Amino acid sequence: MPNTEILAALGHLPAGAVLTGNTPIQVTDSEHRVYADQRRTQIDMRFAKIIRIGRTRSDIGVDLNNLFNTNYATGYSTTYAYSVGNTANGGTWGNPTSVYTPRFVRINYTLNF
């Protein structure tokens, strides 16, 4: 937050601050989160077949991760970047920064002898 805005709101500058600088302001703490912890479900499936030939054993499988392609946010922007144009909408604070890994398929083959 620009120190000029802090001076206008509080009537004084923060300790050790200069008028032309910026001061970081903590909006929330770890105890009072804006985004409540929600239950998140990601379904992974594995299909495999064991094949035995003599003394060898082969595992052939397919892994399906994030089967229903959920896209829950797992991280949020915690920095509020002040500018005159974005004060009404909060800038980028609280926007998702990461989501669950998208659906993907992995083919496995293991040979034990």
PDB file of N, CA and C in Angstrom:
ATOM      1  N   MET A   1       0.856  -1.167   0.000  1.00  0.00           N
ATOM      2  CA  MET A   1       0.000   0.000   0.000  1.00  0.00           C
ATOM      3  C   MET A   1       0.908   1.237   0.000  1.00  0.00           C
ATOM      4  N   PRO A   2       0.628   2.208  -0.838  1.00  0.00           N
ATOM      5  CA  PRO A   2       1.447   3.415  -0.844  1.00  0.00           C
ATOM      6  C   PRO A   2       1.339   4.150   0.500  1.00  0.00           C
ATOM      7  N   ASN A   3       2.462   4.643   0.976  1.00  0.00           N
ATOM      8  CA  ASN A   3       2.480   5.339   2.260  1.00  0.00           C
ATOM      9  C   ASN A   3       1.665   6.631   2.233  1.00  0.00           C
ATOM     10  N   THR A   4       1.460   7.210   1.058  1.00  0.00           N
ATOM     11  CA  THR A   4       0.615   8.405   0.979  1.00  0.00           C
ATOM     12  C   THR A   4      -0.830   8.065   1.338  1.00  0.00           C
ATOM     13  N   GLU A   5      -1.305   6.893   0.932  1.00  0.00           N
ATOM     14  CA  GLU A   5      -2.660   6.456   1.268  1.00  0.00           C
ATOM     15  C   GLU A   5      -2.775   6.139   2.759  1.00  0.00           C
ATOM     16  N   ILE A   6      -1.734   5.530   3.322  1.00  0.00           N
ATOM     17  CA  ILE A   6      -1.728   5.224   4.757  1.00  0.00           C
ATOM     18  C   ILE A   6      -1.743   6.516   5.566  1.00  0.00           C
ATOM     19  N   LEU A   7      -0.961   7.502   5.126  1.00  0.00           N
ATOM     20  CA  LEU A   7      -0.925   8.801   5.810  1.00  0.00           C
ATOM     21  C   LEU A   7      -2.302   9.458   5.783  1.00  0.00           C
ATOM     22  N   ALA A   8      -2.991   9.370   4.641  1.00  0.00           N
ATOM     23  CA  ALA A   8      -4.316   9.979   4.529  1.00  0.00           C
ATOM     24  C   ALA A   8      -5.338   9.257   5.419  1.00  0.00           C
ATOM     25  N   ALA A   9      -5.219   7.942   5.550  1.00  0.00           N
ATOM     26  CA  ALA A   9      -6.185   7.169   6.338  1.00  0.00           C
ATOM     27  C   ALA A   9      -5.915   7.241   7.834  1.00  0.00           C
ATOM     28  N   LEU A  10      -4.639   7.158   8.236  1.00  0.00           N
ATOM     29  CA  LEU A  10      -4.285   7.103   9.662  1.00  0.00           C
ATOM     30  C   LEU A  10      -3.877   8.445  10.248  1.00  0.00           C
ATOM     31  N   GLY A  11      -3.410   9.335   9.399  1.00  0.00           N
ATOM     32  CA  GLY A  11      -2.928  10.619   9.894  1.00  0.00           C
ATOM     33  C   GLY A  11      -1.455  10.590  10.260  1.00  0.00           C
ATOM     34  N   HIS A  12      -0.807   9.433  10.119  1.00  0.00           N
ATOM     35  CA  HIS A  12       0.635   9.318  10.368  1.00  0.00           C
ATOM     36  C   HIS A  12       1.172   8.174   9.533  1.00  0.00           C
ATOM     37  N   LEU A  13       2.492   8.173   9.358  1.00  0.00           N
ATOM     38  CA  LEU A  13       3.142   7.100   8.600  1.00  0.00           C
ATOM     39  C   LEU A  13       3.486   5.940   9.532  1.00  0.00           C
ATOM     40  N   PRO A  14       3.601   4.729   9.002  1.00  0.00           N
ATOM     41  CA  PRO A  14       4.071   3.617   9.819  1.00  0.00           C
ATOM     42  C   PRO A  14       5.499   3.881  10.303  1.00  0.00           C
ATOM     43  N   ALA A  15       5.885   3.234  11.380  1.00  0.00           N
ATOM     44  CA  ALA A  15       7.222   3.434  11.947  1.00  0.00           C
ATOM     45  C   ALA A  15       8.298   3.084  10.924  1.00  0.00           C
ATOM     46  N   GLY A  16       9.228   4.004  10.718  1.00  0.00           N
ATOM     47  CA  GLY A  16      10.353   3.782   9.809  1.00  0.00           C
ATOM     48  C   GLY A  16      10.014   3.942   8.339  1.00  0.00           C
ATOM     49  N   ALA A  17       8.803   4.339   7.999  1.00  0.00           N
ATOM     50  CA  ALA A  17       8.387   4.472   6.601  1.00  0.00           C
ATOM     51  C   ALA A  17       8.688   5.870   6.081  1.00  0.00           C
ATOM     52  N   VAL A  18       8.922   5.950   4.766  1.00  0.00           N
ATOM     53  CA  VAL A  18       9.111   7.238   4.109  1.00  0.00           C
ATOM     54  C   VAL A  18       7.884   7.514   3.238  1.00  0.00           C
ATOM     55  N   LEU A  19       7.609   8.777   2.988  1.00  0.00           N
ATOM     56  CA  LEU A  19       6.395   9.166   2.284  1.00  0.00           C
ATOM     57  C   LEU A  19       6.304   8.571   0.881  1.00  0.00           C
ATOM     58  N   THR A  20       7.432   8.398   0.195  1.00  0.00           N
ATOM     59  CA  THR A  20       7.406   7.923  -1.192  1.00  0.00           C
ATOM     60  C   THR A  20       7.442   6.403  -1.297  1.00  0.00           C
ATOM     61  N   GLY A  21       7.484   5.681  -0.199  1.00  0.00           N
ATOM     62  CA  GLY A  21       7.593   4.226  -0.244  1.00  0.00           C
ATOM     63  C   GLY A  21       6.260   3.510  -0.150  1.00  0.00           C
ATOM     64  N   ASN A  22       6.338   2.196  -0.058  1.00  0.00           N
ATOM     65  CA  ASN A  22       5.179   1.332   0.099  1.00  0.00           C
ATOM     66  C   ASN A  22       5.325   0.528   1.383  1.00  0.00           C
ATOM     67  N   THR A  23       4.215   0.123   1.977  1.00  0.00           N
ATOM     68  CA  THR A  23       4.223  -0.687   3.186  1.00  0.00           C
ATOM     69  C   THR A  23       3.344  -1.915   2.967  1.00  0.00           C
ATOM     70  N   PRO A  24       3.889  -3.126   3.164  1.00  0.00           N
ATOM     71  CA  PRO A  24       3.048  -4.320   3.040  1.00  0.00           C
ATOM     72  C   PRO A  24       2.072  -4.402   4.213  1.00  0.00           C
ATOM     73  N   ILE A  25       0.839  -4.768   3.932  1.00  0.00           N
ATOM     74  CA  ILE A  25      -0.186  -4.886   4.959  1.00  0.00           C
ATOM     75  C   ILE A  25      -0.742  -6.302   4.919  1.00  0.00           C
ATOM     76  N   GLN A  26      -0.723  -6.978   6.054  1.00  0.00           N
ATOM     77  CA  GLN A  26      -1.268  -8.327   6.129  1.00  0.00           C
ATOM     78  C   GLN A  26      -2.786  -8.234   6.192  1.00  0.00           C
ATOM     79  N   VAL A  27      -3.446  -8.841   5.210  1.00  0.00           N
ATOM     80  CA  VAL A  27      -4.896  -8.738   5.120  1.00  0.00           C
ATOM     81  C   VAL A  27      -5.562  -9.801   5.989  1.00  0.00           C
ATOM     82  N   THR A  28      -5.060 -11.023   5.967  1.00  0.00           N
ATOM     83  CA  THR A  28      -5.584 -12.104   6.798  1.00  0.00           C
ATOM     84  C   THR A  28      -4.422 -12.834   7.439  1.00  0.00           C
ATOM     85  N   ASP A  29      -4.727 -13.652   8.427  1.00  0.00           N
ATOM     86  CA  ASP A  29      -3.706 -14.499   9.016  1.00  0.00           C
ATOM     87  C   ASP A  29      -4.093 -15.958   8.787  1.00  0.00           C
ATOM     88  N   SER A  30      -3.257 -16.876   9.235  1.00  0.00           N
ATOM     89  CA  SER A  30      -3.509 -18.295   8.984  1.00  0.00           C
ATOM     90  C   SER A  30      -4.694 -18.821   9.780  1.00  0.00           C
ATOM     91  N   GLU A  31      -5.115 -18.097  10.804  1.00  0.00           N
ATOM     92  CA  GLU A  31      -6.215 -18.554  11.637  1.00  0.00           C
ATOM     93  C   GLU A  31      -7.578 -18.127  11.092  1.00  0.00           C
ATOM     94  N   HIS A  32      -7.623 -17.037  10.379  1.00  0.00           N
ATOM     95  CA  HIS A  32      -8.880 -16.494   9.863  1.00  0.00           C
ATOM     96  C   HIS A  32      -8.810 -16.420   8.349  1.00  0.00           C
ATOM     97  N   ARG A  33      -8.993 -17.528   7.707  1.00  0.00           N
ATOM     98  CA  ARG A  33      -8.897 -17.571   6.254  1.00  0.00           C
ATOM     99  C   ARG A  33     -10.185 -17.092   5.618  1.00  0.00           C
ATOM    100  N   VAL A  34     -10.041 -16.471   4.473  1.00  0.00           N
ATOM    101  CA  VAL A  34     -11.198 -16.004   3.732  1.00  0.00           C
ATOM    102  C   VAL A  34     -11.870 -17.182   3.038  1.00  0.00           C
ATOM    103  N   TYR A  35     -11.084 -18.113   2.529  1.00  0.00           N
ATOM    104  CA  TYR A  35     -11.610 -19.272   1.824  1.00  0.00           C
ATOM    105  C   TYR A  35     -11.643 -20.438   2.789  1.00  0.00           C
ATOM    106  N   ALA A  36     -12.840 -20.883   3.140  1.00  0.00           N
ATOM    107  CA  ALA A  36     -12.984 -21.991   4.083  1.00  0.00           C
ATOM    108  C   ALA A  36     -12.446 -23.269   3.463  1.00  0.00           C
ATOM    109  N   ASP A  37     -11.887 -24.106   4.309  1.00  0.00           N
ATOM    110  CA  ASP A  37     -11.423 -25.403   3.832  1.00  0.00           C
ATOM    111  C   ASP A  37     -12.626 -26.216   3.395  1.00  0.00           C
ATOM    112  N   GLN A  38     -12.643 -26.576   2.149  1.00  0.00           N
ATOM    113  CA  GLN A  38     -13.751 -27.340   1.604  1.00  0.00           C
ATOM    114  C   GLN A  38     -13.302 -28.778   1.410  1.00  0.00           C
ATOM    115  N   ARG A  39     -14.248 -29.666   1.468  1.00  0.00           N
ATOM    116  CA  ARG A  39     -13.945 -31.059   1.174  1.00  0.00           C
ATOM    117  C   ARG A  39     -13.708 -31.177  -0.322  1.00  0.00           C
ATOM    118  N   ARG A  40     -12.616 -31.774  -0.680  1.00  0.00           N
ATOM    119  CA  ARG A  40     -12.262 -31.918  -2.090  1.00  0.00           C
ATOM    120  C   ARG A  40     -12.127 -33.393  -2.405  1.00  0.00           C
ATOM    121  N   THR A  41     -12.672 -33.786  -3.526  1.00  0.00           N
ATOM    122  CA  THR A  41     -12.634 -35.185  -3.911  1.00  0.00           C
ATOM    123  C   THR A  41     -11.997 -35.313  -5.280  1.00  0.00           C
ATOM    124  N   GLN A  42     -11.010 -36.170  -5.335  1.00  0.00           N
ATOM    125  CA  GLN A  42     -10.371 -36.502  -6.599  1.00  0.00           C
ATOM    126  C   GLN A  42     -10.368 -38.014  -6.684  1.00  0.00           C
ATOM    127  N   ILE A  43     -10.880 -38.550  -7.775  1.00  0.00           N
ATOM    128  CA  ILE A  43     -10.976 -40.000  -7.910  1.00  0.00           C
ATOM    129  C   ILE A  43      -9.902 -40.486  -8.860  1.00  0.00           C
ATOM    130  N   ASP A  44      -9.091 -41.422  -8.371  1.00  0.00           N
ATOM    131  CA  ASP A  44      -8.064 -42.082  -9.169  1.00  0.00           C
ATOM    132  C   ASP A  44      -8.432 -43.562  -9.263  1.00  0.00           C
ATOM    133  N   MET A  45      -8.192 -44.160 -10.426  1.00  0.00           N
ATOM    134  CA  MET A  45      -8.484 -45.584 -10.603  1.00  0.00           C
ATOM    135  C   MET A  45      -7.293 -46.274 -11.223  1.00  0.00           C
ATOM    136  N   ARG A  46      -7.164 -47.551 -10.906  1.00  0.00           N
ATOM    137  CA  ARG A  46      -6.104 -48.371 -11.481  1.00  0.00           C
ATOM    138  C   ARG A  46      -6.702 -49.693 -11.916  1.00  0.00           C
ATOM    139  N   PHE A  47      -6.435 -50.062 -13.146  1.00  0.00           N
ATOM    140  CA  PHE A  47      -6.836 -51.362 -13.678  1.00  0.00           C
ATOM    141  C   PHE A  47      -5.550 -52.105 -14.016  1.00  0.00           C
ATOM    142  N   ALA A  48      -5.430 -53.338 -13.522  1.00  0.00           N
ATOM    143  CA  ALA A  48      -4.199 -54.086 -13.747  1.00  0.00           C
ATOM    144  C   ALA A  48      -4.512 -55.564 -13.925  1.00  0.00           C
ATOM    145  N   LYS A  49      -3.634 -56.225 -14.614  1.00  0.00           N
ATOM    146  CA  LYS A  49      -3.735 -57.660 -14.838  1.00  0.00           C
ATOM    147  C   LYS A  49      -2.367 -58.264 -14.563  1.00  0.00           C
ATOM    148  N   ILE A  50      -2.366 -59.342 -13.776  1.00  0.00           N
ATOM    149  CA  ILE A  50      -1.127 -60.071 -13.488  1.00  0.00           C
ATOM    150  C   ILE A  50      -1.072 -61.277 -14.408  1.00  0.00           C
ATOM    151  N   ILE A  51       0.021 -61.412 -15.114  1.00  0.00           N
ATOM    152  CA  ILE A  51       0.232 -62.533 -16.028  1.00  0.00           C
ATOM    153  C   ILE A  51       1.464 -63.294 -15.561  1.00  0.00           C
ATOM    154  N   ARG A  52       1.298 -64.600 -15.326  1.00  0.00           N
ATOM    155  CA  ARG A  52       2.426 -65.451 -14.895  1.00  0.00           C
ATOM    156  C   ARG A  52       2.774 -66.403 -16.032  1.00  0.00           C
ATOM    157  N   ILE A  53       4.036 -66.388 -16.398  1.00  0.00           N
ATOM    158  CA  ILE A  53       4.556 -67.305 -17.419  1.00  0.00           C
ATOM    159  C   ILE A  53       5.814 -67.935 -16.837  1.00  0.00           C
ATOM    160  N   GLY A  54       5.733 -69.204 -16.493  1.00  0.00           N
ATOM    161  CA  GLY A  54       6.876 -69.884 -15.879  1.00  0.00           C
ATOM    162  C   GLY A  54       7.215 -69.244 -14.551  1.00  0.00           C
ATOM    163  N   ARG A  55       8.478 -68.813 -14.413  1.00  0.00           N
ATOM    164  CA  ARG A  55       8.928 -68.186 -13.173  1.00  0.00           C
ATOM    165  C   ARG A  55       8.854 -66.664 -13.203  1.00  0.00           C
ATOM    166  N   THR A  56       8.362 -66.125 -14.307  1.00  0.00           N
ATOM    167  CA  THR A  56       8.256 -64.662 -14.412  1.00  0.00           C
ATOM    168  C   THR A  56       6.823 -64.202 -14.140  1.00  0.00           C
ATOM    169  N   ARG A  57       6.735 -62.989 -13.701  1.00  0.00           N
ATOM    170  CA  ARG A  57       5.438 -62.380 -13.411  1.00  0.00           C
ATOM    171  C   ARG A  57       5.419 -60.999 -14.060  1.00  0.00           C
ATOM    172  N   SER A  58       4.368 -60.709 -14.812  1.00  0.00           N
ATOM    173  CA  SER A  58       4.224 -59.404 -15.459  1.00  0.00           C
ATOM    174  C   SER A  58       2.975 -58.725 -14.928  1.00  0.00           C
ATOM    175  N   ASP A  59       3.094 -57.440 -14.664  1.00  0.00           N
ATOM    176  CA  ASP A  59       1.952 -56.616 -14.291  1.00  0.00           C
ATOM    177  C   ASP A  59       1.729 -55.621 -15.420  1.00  0.00           C
ATOM    178  N   ILE A  60       0.530 -55.644 -15.987  1.00  0.00           N
ATOM    179  CA  ILE A  60       0.160 -54.686 -17.019  1.00  0.00           C
ATOM    180  C   ILE A  60      -1.002 -53.878 -16.463  1.00  0.00           C
ATOM    181  N   GLY A  61      -0.872 -52.555 -16.475  1.00  0.00           N
ATOM    182  CA  GLY A  61      -1.912 -51.746 -15.856  1.00  0.00           C
ATOM    183  C   GLY A  61      -2.088 -50.391 -16.496  1.00  0.00           C
ATOM    184  N   VAL A  62      -3.217 -49.786 -16.162  1.00  0.00           N
ATOM    185  CA  VAL A  62      -3.550 -48.433 -16.604  1.00  0.00           C
ATOM    186  C   VAL A  62      -3.990 -47.650 -15.378  1.00  0.00           C
ATOM    187  N   ASP A  63      -3.392 -46.494 -15.155  1.00  0.00           N
ATOM    188  CA  ASP A  63      -3.786 -45.600 -14.067  1.00  0.00           C
ATOM    189  C   ASP A  63      -4.550 -44.418 -14.655  1.00  0.00           C
ATOM    190  N   LEU A  64      -5.720 -44.145 -14.088  1.00  0.00           N
ATOM    191  CA  LEU A  64      -6.510 -42.988 -14.487  1.00  0.00           C
ATOM    192  C   LEU A  64      -6.532 -42.040 -13.303  1.00  0.00           C
ATOM    193  N   ASN A  65      -5.865 -40.916 -13.415  1.00  0.00           N
ATOM    194  CA  ASN A  65      -5.790 -39.948 -12.324  1.00  0.00           C
ATOM    195  C   ASN A  65      -6.721 -38.774 -12.595  1.00  0.00           C
ATOM    196  N   ASN A  66      -7.404 -38.333 -11.527  1.00  0.00           N
ATOM    197  CA  ASN A  66      -8.405 -37.271 -11.593  1.00  0.00           C
ATOM    198  C   ASN A  66      -9.461 -37.625 -12.645  1.00  0.00           C
ATOM    199  N   LEU A  67     -10.081 -38.758 -12.427  1.00  0.00           N
ATOM    200  CA  LEU A  67     -11.003 -39.352 -13.390  1.00  0.00           C
ATOM    201  C   LEU A  67     -12.096 -38.394 -13.853  1.00  0.00           C
ATOM    202  N   PHE A  68     -12.695 -37.622 -12.949  1.00  0.00           N
ATOM    203  CA  PHE A  68     -13.773 -36.717 -13.323  1.00  0.00           C
ATOM    204  C   PHE A  68     -13.286 -35.306 -13.616  1.00  0.00           C
ATOM    205  N   ASN A  69     -11.981 -35.129 -13.705  1.00  0.00           N
ATOM    206  CA  ASN A  69     -11.348 -33.868 -14.101  1.00  0.00           C
ATOM    207  C   ASN A  69     -11.788 -32.694 -13.220  1.00  0.00           C
ATOM    208  N   THR A  70     -11.749 -32.886 -11.900  1.00  0.00           N
ATOM    209  CA  THR A  70     -12.098 -31.805 -10.989  1.00  0.00           C
ATOM    210  C   THR A  70     -11.066 -30.684 -11.097  1.00  0.00           C
ATOM    211  N   ASN A  71     -11.482 -29.471 -10.823  1.00  0.00           N
ATOM    212  CA  ASN A  71     -10.571 -28.327 -10.965  1.00  0.00           C
ATOM    213  C   ASN A  71     -10.630 -27.422  -9.741  1.00  0.00           C
ATOM    214  N   TYR A  72     -10.602 -28.014  -8.553  1.00  0.00           N
ATOM    215  CA  TYR A  72     -10.604 -27.220  -7.332  1.00  0.00           C
ATOM    216  C   TYR A  72      -9.328 -26.392  -7.230  1.00  0.00           C
ATOM    217  N   ALA A  73      -9.463 -25.209  -6.710  1.00  0.00           N
ATOM    218  CA  ALA A  73      -8.288 -24.371  -6.469  1.00  0.00           C
ATOM    219  C   ALA A  73      -7.552 -24.902  -5.246  1.00  0.00           C
ATOM    220  N   THR A  74      -6.233 -24.997  -5.334  1.00  0.00           N
ATOM    221  CA  THR A  74      -5.435 -25.466  -4.208  1.00  0.00           C
ATOM    222  C   THR A  74      -4.549 -24.368  -3.636  1.00  0.00           C
ATOM    223  N   GLY A  75      -4.484 -23.230  -4.290  1.00  0.00           N
ATOM    224  CA  GLY A  75      -3.702 -22.098  -3.796  1.00  0.00           C
ATOM    225  C   GLY A  75      -4.316 -20.792  -4.260  1.00  0.00           C
ATOM    226  N   TYR A  76      -4.153 -19.771  -3.439  1.00  0.00           N
ATOM    227  CA  TYR A  76      -4.732 -18.468  -3.750  1.00  0.00           C
ATOM    228  C   TYR A  76      -3.659 -17.391  -3.621  1.00  0.00           C
ATOM    229  N   SER A  77      -3.842 -16.316  -4.374  1.00  0.00           N
ATOM    230  CA  SER A  77      -2.948 -15.168  -4.273  1.00  0.00           C
ATOM    231  C   SER A  77      -3.167 -14.494  -2.921  1.00  0.00           C
ATOM    232  N   THR A  78      -2.097 -14.295  -2.185  1.00  0.00           N
ATOM    233  CA  THR A  78      -2.207 -13.683  -0.858  1.00  0.00           C
ATOM    234  C   THR A  78      -1.694 -12.253  -0.840  1.00  0.00           C
ATOM    235  N   THR A  79      -1.358 -11.713  -2.001  1.00  0.00           N
ATOM    236  CA  THR A  79      -0.818 -10.364  -2.083  1.00  0.00           C
ATOM    237  C   THR A  79      -1.837  -9.428  -2.716  1.00  0.00           C
ATOM    238  N   TYR A  80      -2.075  -8.321  -2.056  1.00  0.00           N
ATOM    239  CA  TYR A  80      -2.952  -7.289  -2.597  1.00  0.00           C
ATOM    240  C   TYR A  80      -2.071  -6.212  -3.194  1.00  0.00           C
ATOM    241  N   ALA A  81      -2.143  -6.042  -4.506  1.00  0.00           N
ATOM    242  CA  ALA A  81      -1.355  -5.021  -5.181  1.00  0.00           C
ATOM    243  C   ALA A  81      -2.241  -3.794  -5.378  1.00  0.00           C
ATOM    244  N   TYR A  82      -1.924  -2.732  -4.675  1.00  0.00           N
ATOM    245  CA  TYR A  82      -2.737  -1.511  -4.726  1.00  0.00           C
ATOM    246  C   TYR A  82      -2.430  -0.701  -5.968  1.00  0.00           C
ATOM    247  N   SER A  83      -3.464  -0.230  -6.610  1.00  0.00           N
ATOM    248  CA  SER A  83      -3.345   0.804  -7.629  1.00  0.00           C
ATOM    249  C   SER A  83      -4.686   1.541  -7.650  1.00  0.00           C
ATOM    250  N   VAL A  84      -4.697   2.724  -8.172  1.00  0.00           N
ATOM    251  CA  VAL A  84      -5.906   3.553  -8.144  1.00  0.00           C
ATOM    252  C   VAL A  84      -7.046   2.864  -8.892  1.00  0.00           C
ATOM    253  N   GLY A  85      -6.741   2.146  -9.962  1.00  0.00           N
ATOM    254  CA  GLY A  85      -7.782   1.518 -10.774  1.00  0.00           C
ATOM    255  C   GLY A  85      -8.369   0.243 -10.203  1.00  0.00           C
ATOM    256  N   ASN A  86      -7.660  -0.438  -9.322  1.00  0.00           N
ATOM    257  CA  ASN A  86      -8.178  -1.734  -8.872  1.00  0.00           C
ATOM    258  C   ASN A  86      -8.654  -1.735  -7.423  1.00  0.00           C
ATOM    259  N   THR A  87      -8.821  -0.599  -6.806  1.00  0.00           N
ATOM    260  CA  THR A  87      -9.252  -0.582  -5.407  1.00  0.00           C
ATOM    261  C   THR A  87     -10.677  -1.081  -5.246  1.00  0.00           C
ATOM    262  N   ALA A  88     -11.525  -0.862  -6.216  1.00  0.00           N
ATOM    263  CA  ALA A  88     -12.924  -1.272  -6.091  1.00  0.00           C
ATOM    264  C   ALA A  88     -13.081  -2.789  -6.157  1.00  0.00           C
ATOM    265  N   ASN A  89     -12.282  -3.477  -6.973  1.00  0.00           N
ATOM    266  CA  ASN A  89     -12.463  -4.909  -7.139  1.00  0.00           C
ATOM    267  C   ASN A  89     -11.404  -5.743  -6.418  1.00  0.00           C
ATOM    268  N   GLY A  90     -10.515  -5.151  -5.682  1.00  0.00           N
ATOM    269  CA  GLY A  90      -9.547  -5.904  -4.893  1.00  0.00           C
ATOM    270  C   GLY A  90      -8.328  -6.379  -5.642  1.00  0.00           C
ATOM    271  N   GLY A  91      -8.128  -5.960  -6.843  1.00  0.00           N
ATOM    272  CA  GLY A  91      -6.950  -6.374  -7.592  1.00  0.00           C
ATOM    273  C   GLY A  91      -6.928  -7.874  -7.817  1.00  0.00           C
ATOM    274  N   THR A  92      -5.779  -8.470  -7.601  1.00  0.00           N
ATOM    275  CA  THR A  92      -5.648  -9.912  -7.804  1.00  0.00           C
ATOM    276  C   THR A  92      -5.676 -10.686  -6.500  1.00  0.00           C
ATOM    277  N   TRP A  93      -5.914 -10.050  -5.390  1.00  0.00           N
ATOM    278  CA  TRP A  93      -5.924 -10.738  -4.103  1.00  0.00           C
ATOM    279  C   TRP A  93      -7.061 -11.754  -4.054  1.00  0.00           C
ATOM    280  N   GLY A  94      -6.748 -12.969  -3.662  1.00  0.00           N
ATOM    281  CA  GLY A  94      -7.750 -14.022  -3.547  1.00  0.00           C
ATOM    282  C   GLY A  94      -8.003 -14.803  -4.818  1.00  0.00           C
ATOM    283  N   ASN A  95      -7.349 -14.455  -5.917  1.00  0.00           N
ATOM    284  CA  ASN A  95      -7.519 -15.214  -7.152  1.00  0.00           C
ATOM    285  C   ASN A  95      -6.800 -16.554  -7.040  1.00  0.00           C
ATOM    286  N   PRO A  96      -7.356 -17.634  -7.602  1.00  0.00           N
ATOM    287  CA  PRO A  96      -6.674 -18.931  -7.573  1.00  0.00           C
ATOM    288  C   PRO A  96      -5.347 -18.868  -8.313  1.00  0.00           C
ATOM    289  N   THR A  97      -4.315 -19.478  -7.719  1.00  0.00           N
ATOM    290  CA  THR A  97      -3.003 -19.528  -8.360  1.00  0.00           C
ATOM    291  C   THR A  97      -2.629 -20.938  -8.791  1.00  0.00           C
ATOM    292  N   SER A  98      -3.319 -21.936  -8.254  1.00  0.00           N
ATOM    293  CA  SER A  98      -3.059 -23.321  -8.665  1.00  0.00           C
ATOM    294  C   SER A  98      -4.324 -24.144  -8.496  1.00  0.00           C
ATOM    295  N   VAL A  99      -4.461 -25.152  -9.346  1.00  0.00           N
ATOM    296  CA  VAL A  99      -5.611 -26.049  -9.303  1.00  0.00           C
ATOM    297  C   VAL A  99      -5.119 -27.491  -9.340  1.00  0.00           C
ATOM    298  N   TYR A 100      -6.050 -28.422  -9.084  1.00  0.00           N
ATOM    299  CA  TYR A 100      -5.696 -29.846  -9.153  1.00  0.00           C
ATOM    300  C   TYR A 100      -5.086 -30.173 -10.507  1.00  0.00           C
ATOM    301  N   THR A 101      -4.234 -31.165 -10.517  1.00  0.00           N
ATOM    302  CA  THR A 101      -3.650 -31.641 -11.768  1.00  0.00           C
ATOM    303  C   THR A 101      -4.769 -32.174 -12.662  1.00  0.00           C
ATOM    304  N   PRO A 102      -4.775 -31.820 -13.941  1.00  0.00           N
ATOM    305  CA  PRO A 102      -5.854 -32.293 -14.809  1.00  0.00           C
ATOM    306  C   PRO A 102      -5.797 -33.806 -15.009  1.00  0.00           C
ATOM    307  N   ARG A 103      -6.870 -34.348 -15.559  1.00  0.00           N
ATOM    308  CA  ARG A 103      -6.973 -35.790 -15.802  1.00  0.00           C
ATOM    309  C   ARG A 103      -5.824 -36.256 -16.687  1.00  0.00           C
ATOM    310  N   PHE A 104      -5.239 -37.391 -16.324  1.00  0.00           N
ATOM    311  CA  PHE A 104      -4.229 -37.988 -17.191  1.00  0.00           C
ATOM    312  C   PHE A 104      -4.220 -39.499 -17.029  1.00  0.00           C
ATOM    313  N   VAL A 105      -3.677 -40.178 -18.029  1.00  0.00           N
ATOM    314  CA  VAL A 105      -3.632 -41.636 -18.078  1.00  0.00           C
ATOM    315  C   VAL A 105      -2.169 -42.058 -18.117  1.00  0.00           C
ATOM    316  N   ARG A 106      -1.858 -43.092 -17.335  1.00  0.00           N
ATOM    317  CA  ARG A 106      -0.497 -43.630 -17.339  1.00  0.00           C
ATOM    318  C   ARG A 106      -0.583 -45.133 -17.568  1.00  0.00           C
ATOM    319  N   ILE A 107       0.224 -45.650 -18.473  1.00  0.00           N
ATOM    320  CA  ILE A 107       0.271 -47.078 -18.770  1.00  0.00           C
ATOM    321  C   ILE A 107       1.499 -47.663 -18.084  1.00  0.00           C
ATOM    322  N   ASN A 108       1.298 -48.788 -17.375  1.00  0.00           N
ATOM    323  CA  ASN A 108       2.379 -49.417 -16.614  1.00  0.00           C
ATOM    324  C   ASN A 108       2.652 -50.822 -17.117  1.00  0.00           C
ATOM    325  N   TYR A 109       3.909 -51.184 -17.098  1.00  0.00           N
ATOM    326  CA  TYR A 109       4.300 -52.570 -17.360  1.00  0.00           C
ATOM    327  C   TYR A 109       5.475 -52.899 -16.444  1.00  0.00           C
ATOM    328  N   THR A 110       5.324 -53.944 -15.660  1.00  0.00           N
ATOM    329  CA  THR A 110       6.386 -54.373 -14.755  1.00  0.00           C
ATOM    330  C   THR A 110       6.669 -55.839 -14.995  1.00  0.00           C
ATOM    331  N   LEU A 111       7.936 -56.190 -15.084  1.00  0.00           N
ATOM    332  CA  LEU A 111       8.349 -57.582 -15.298  1.00  0.00           C
ATOM    333  C   LEU A 111       9.188 -58.005 -14.105  1.00  0.00           C
ATOM    334  N   ASN A 112       8.738 -59.013 -13.394  1.00  0.00           N
ATOM    335  CA  ASN A 112       9.477 -59.566 -12.251  1.00  0.00           C
ATOM    336  C   ASN A 112      10.004 -60.948 -12.627  1.00  0.00           C
ATOM    337  N   PHE A 113      11.291 -61.156 -12.411  1.00  0.00           N
ATOM    338  CA  PHE A 113      11.859 -62.480 -12.700  1.00  0.00           C
ATOM    339  C   PHE A 113      12.819 -62.891 -11.635  1.00  0.00           C
TER     340      PHE A 113
END
